[in-house]
Amino acid sequence: MSTRTTAEARAKRRRRIRGRVVGTTERPRVSVFRSNKAIYAQVIDDATGTTLAAARSAEVDTAGLDKTGVAKKVGALLAERARAHKIETVVFDRSGYLYHGRVKALAEGAREGGLVF
């Protein structure tokens, strides 16, 4: 019986998700990366391989917020920057993370900011 590390399990989930989730010019992909201290998100057009908008936790005011609150603000900032590039609809790529906690908060913040997915 082989045991898989947490990182290996996430990598496998990530590959499986990326097989289905593809960003187009009309509907780019929102990719999330979560570390222990920070959270990052970017809007990617997979057809051209370019990043159209990005946001990270170091760019928002984190005073008095927990990591989930910071993630929600990052999602709102990402939505603001995406809408500045005339992007309204996207596909959400959770990058192998569970749709829970900070990843979910980032998605909710992006939705509240005006992105549709």
C-alpha atoms as a PDB file:
ATOM      1  CA  MET A   1       0.000   0.000   0.000  1.00  0.00           C
ATOM      2  CA  SER A   2       1.503   3.319  -1.032  1.00  0.00           C
ATOM      3  CA  THR A   3       0.846   6.427   0.971  1.00  0.00           C
ATOM      4  CA  ARG A   4       0.556   9.774  -0.710  1.00  0.00           C
ATOM      5  CA  THR A   5       1.753  12.972   0.906  1.00  0.00           C
ATOM      6  CA  THR A   6      -0.555  15.965   1.163  1.00  0.00           C
ATOM      7  CA  ALA A   7       1.359  17.739  -1.590  1.00  0.00           C
ATOM      8  CA  GLU A   8       1.145  14.710  -3.885  1.00  0.00           C
ATOM      9  CA  ALA A   9      -2.586  14.381  -3.278  1.00  0.00           C
ATOM     10  CA  ARG A  10      -3.107  18.068  -4.073  1.00  0.00           C
ATOM     11  CA  ALA A  11      -1.001  17.757  -7.235  1.00  0.00           C
ATOM     12  CA  LYS A  12      -3.154  14.848  -8.395  1.00  0.00           C
ATOM     13  CA  ARG A  13      -6.377  16.794  -7.703  1.00  0.00           C
ATOM     14  CA  ARG A  14      -4.898  19.822  -9.474  1.00  0.00           C
ATOM     15  CA  ARG A  15      -4.101  17.827 -12.621  1.00  0.00           C
ATOM     16  CA  ARG A  16      -7.594  16.335 -12.609  1.00  0.00           C
ATOM     17  CA  ILE A  17      -9.220  19.764 -12.252  1.00  0.00           C
ATOM     18  CA  ARG A  18      -7.048  21.334 -14.957  1.00  0.00           C
ATOM     19  CA  GLY A  19      -8.191  18.627 -17.352  1.00  0.00           C
ATOM     20  CA  ARG A  20     -11.693  20.071 -17.150  1.00  0.00           C
ATOM     21  CA  VAL A  21     -11.208  23.766 -16.346  1.00  0.00           C
ATOM     22  CA  VAL A  22      -9.843  25.831 -19.227  1.00  0.00           C
ATOM     23  CA  GLY A  23      -9.810  29.617 -19.468  1.00  0.00           C
ATOM     24  CA  THR A  24     -10.715  31.185 -22.801  1.00  0.00           C
ATOM     25  CA  THR A  25     -10.472  34.747 -24.042  1.00  0.00           C
ATOM     26  CA  GLU A  26     -14.204  35.248 -23.410  1.00  0.00           C
ATOM     27  CA  ARG A  27     -14.149  33.437 -20.055  1.00  0.00           C
ATOM     28  CA  PRO A  28     -10.696  33.394 -18.438  1.00  0.00           C
ATOM     29  CA  ARG A  29      -9.671  31.196 -15.508  1.00  0.00           C
ATOM     30  CA  VAL A  30      -9.223  32.419 -11.925  1.00  0.00           C
ATOM     31  CA  SER A  31      -6.333  30.458 -10.418  1.00  0.00           C
ATOM     32  CA  VAL A  32      -5.771  30.401  -6.652  1.00  0.00           C
ATOM     33  CA  PHE A  33      -2.588  29.694  -4.703  1.00  0.00           C
ATOM     34  CA  ARG A  34      -2.712  29.436  -0.934  1.00  0.00           C
ATOM     35  CA  SER A  35       0.281  29.283   1.384  1.00  0.00           C
ATOM     36  CA  ASN A  36       0.278  29.212   5.166  1.00  0.00           C
ATOM     37  CA  LYS A  37       0.717  32.989   5.374  1.00  0.00           C
ATOM     38  CA  ALA A  38      -0.640  34.404   2.131  1.00  0.00           C
ATOM     39  CA  ILE A  39      -3.135  33.874  -0.680  1.00  0.00           C
ATOM     40  CA  TYR A  40      -2.722  34.786  -4.333  1.00  0.00           C
ATOM     41  CA  ALA A  41      -5.152  34.813  -7.266  1.00  0.00           C
ATOM     42  CA  GLN A  42      -4.815  35.596 -10.926  1.00  0.00           C
ATOM     43  CA  VAL A  43      -7.068  35.779 -13.967  1.00  0.00           C
ATOM     44  CA  ILE A  44      -5.469  33.794 -16.797  1.00  0.00           C
ATOM     45  CA  ASP A  45      -6.311  33.537 -20.494  1.00  0.00           C
ATOM     46  CA  ASP A  46      -5.146  30.015 -21.353  1.00  0.00           C
ATOM     47  CA  ALA A  47      -5.574  30.596 -25.099  1.00  0.00           C
ATOM     48  CA  THR A  48      -2.724  33.137 -25.108  1.00  0.00           C
ATOM     49  CA  GLY A  49      -1.045  32.068 -21.856  1.00  0.00           C
ATOM     50  CA  THR A  50      -1.240  35.543 -20.331  1.00  0.00           C
ATOM     51  CA  THR A  51      -2.185  36.822 -16.895  1.00  0.00           C
ATOM     52  CA  LEU A  52      -4.839  39.513 -17.252  1.00  0.00           C
ATOM     53  CA  ALA A  53      -5.222  40.533 -13.595  1.00  0.00           C
ATOM     54  CA  ALA A  54      -3.745  39.462 -10.273  1.00  0.00           C
ATOM     55  CA  ALA A  55      -4.123  40.159  -6.563  1.00  0.00           C
ATOM     56  CA  ARG A  56      -2.338  38.992  -3.421  1.00  0.00           C
ATOM     57  CA  SER A  57      -2.769  39.329   0.300  1.00  0.00           C
ATOM     58  CA  ALA A  58       0.256  41.639   0.642  1.00  0.00           C
ATOM     59  CA  GLU A  59      -1.695  44.281  -1.329  1.00  0.00           C
ATOM     60  CA  VAL A  60      -4.696  44.530   1.006  1.00  0.00           C
ATOM     61  CA  ASP A  61      -5.041  46.069   4.455  1.00  0.00           C
ATOM     62  CA  THR A  62      -4.939  43.124   6.862  1.00  0.00           C
ATOM     63  CA  ALA A  63      -5.350  45.042  10.118  1.00  0.00           C
ATOM     64  CA  GLY A  64      -7.730  43.237  12.456  1.00  0.00           C
ATOM     65  CA  LEU A  65      -8.598  40.486   9.969  1.00  0.00           C
ATOM     66  CA  ASP A  66      -8.076  36.759  10.120  1.00  0.00           C
ATOM     67  CA  LYS A  67      -6.755  34.880   7.077  1.00  0.00           C
ATOM     68  CA  THR A  68     -10.279  34.186   5.806  1.00  0.00           C
ATOM     69  CA  GLY A  69     -11.162  37.877   5.942  1.00  0.00           C
ATOM     70  CA  VAL A  70      -7.977  38.735   4.077  1.00  0.00           C
ATOM     71  CA  ALA A  71      -8.846  36.156   1.394  1.00  0.00           C
ATOM     72  CA  LYS A  72     -12.252  37.774   0.911  1.00  0.00           C
ATOM     73  CA  LYS A  73     -10.602  41.171   0.411  1.00  0.00           C
ATOM     74  CA  VAL A  74      -8.162  39.656  -2.097  1.00  0.00           C
ATOM     75  CA  GLY A  75     -11.130  38.270  -4.050  1.00  0.00           C
ATOM     76  CA  ALA A  76     -12.786  41.689  -4.112  1.00  0.00           C
ATOM     77  CA  LEU A  77      -9.525  43.323  -5.259  1.00  0.00           C
ATOM     78  CA  LEU A  78      -9.132  40.728  -8.001  1.00  0.00           C
ATOM     79  CA  ALA A  79     -12.698  41.357  -9.180  1.00  0.00           C
ATOM     80  CA  GLU A  80     -12.063  45.101  -9.272  1.00  0.00           C
ATOM     81  CA  ARG A  81      -8.922  44.640 -11.380  1.00  0.00           C
ATOM     82  CA  ALA A  82     -10.608  42.119 -13.686  1.00  0.00           C
ATOM     83  CA  ARG A  83     -13.562  44.435 -14.273  1.00  0.00           C
ATOM     84  CA  ALA A  84     -11.121  47.209 -15.166  1.00  0.00           C
ATOM     85  CA  HIS A  85     -10.025  44.912 -18.027  1.00  0.00           C
ATOM     86  CA  LYS A  86     -13.701  44.386 -19.031  1.00  0.00           C
ATOM     87  CA  ILE A  87     -13.776  40.831 -17.646  1.00  0.00           C
ATOM     88  CA  GLU A  88     -17.105  39.855 -16.096  1.00  0.00           C
ATOM     89  CA  THR A  89     -17.412  36.067 -16.416  1.00  0.00           C
ATOM     90  CA  VAL A  90     -14.689  33.616 -15.403  1.00  0.00           C
ATOM     91  CA  VAL A  91     -14.153  29.957 -14.501  1.00  0.00           C
ATOM     92  CA  PHE A  92     -12.841  29.192 -11.023  1.00  0.00           C
ATOM     93  CA  ASP A  93      -9.776  26.958 -10.646  1.00  0.00           C
ATOM     94  CA  ARG A  94      -9.278  25.998  -7.011  1.00  0.00           C
ATOM     95  CA  SER A  95      -5.887  24.414  -7.851  1.00  0.00           C
ATOM     96  CA  GLY A  96      -6.502  21.210  -5.942  1.00  0.00           C
ATOM     97  CA  TYR A  97      -7.502  22.931  -2.705  1.00  0.00           C
ATOM     98  CA  LEU A  98     -10.812  22.064  -1.092  1.00  0.00           C
ATOM     99  CA  TYR A  99     -13.545  24.632  -1.740  1.00  0.00           C
ATOM    100  CA  HIS A 100     -13.590  25.578   1.916  1.00  0.00           C
ATOM    101  CA  GLY A 101     -12.212  28.276   4.193  1.00  0.00           C
ATOM    102  CA  ARG A 102      -9.889  30.762   2.495  1.00  0.00           C
ATOM    103  CA  VAL A 103     -10.474  29.467  -1.038  1.00  0.00           C
ATOM    104  CA  LYS A 104     -14.236  29.778  -0.589  1.00  0.00           C
ATOM    105  CA  ALA A 105     -13.851  33.248   0.972  1.00  0.00           C
ATOM    106  CA  LEU A 106     -11.770  34.422  -1.993  1.00  0.00           C
ATOM    107  CA  ALA A 107     -14.453  33.142  -4.389  1.00  0.00           C
ATOM    108  CA  GLU A 108     -17.205  34.878  -2.428  1.00  0.00           C
ATOM    109  CA  GLY A 109     -15.238  38.134  -2.392  1.00  0.00           C
ATOM    110  CA  ALA A 110     -14.774  37.919  -6.165  1.00  0.00           C
ATOM    111  CA  ARG A 111     -18.491  37.285  -6.649  1.00  0.00           C
ATOM    112  CA  GLU A 112     -19.384  40.238  -4.438  1.00  0.00           C
ATOM    113  CA  GLY A 113     -16.945  42.323  -6.491  1.00  0.00           C
ATOM    114  CA  GLY A 114     -18.922  41.541  -9.643  1.00  0.00           C
ATOM    115  CA  LEU A 115     -17.306  38.470 -11.212  1.00  0.00           C
ATOM    116  CA  VAL A 116     -19.710  35.786 -12.410  1.00  0.00           C
ATOM    117  CA  PHE A 117     -18.785  32.102 -12.093  1.00  0.00           C
END
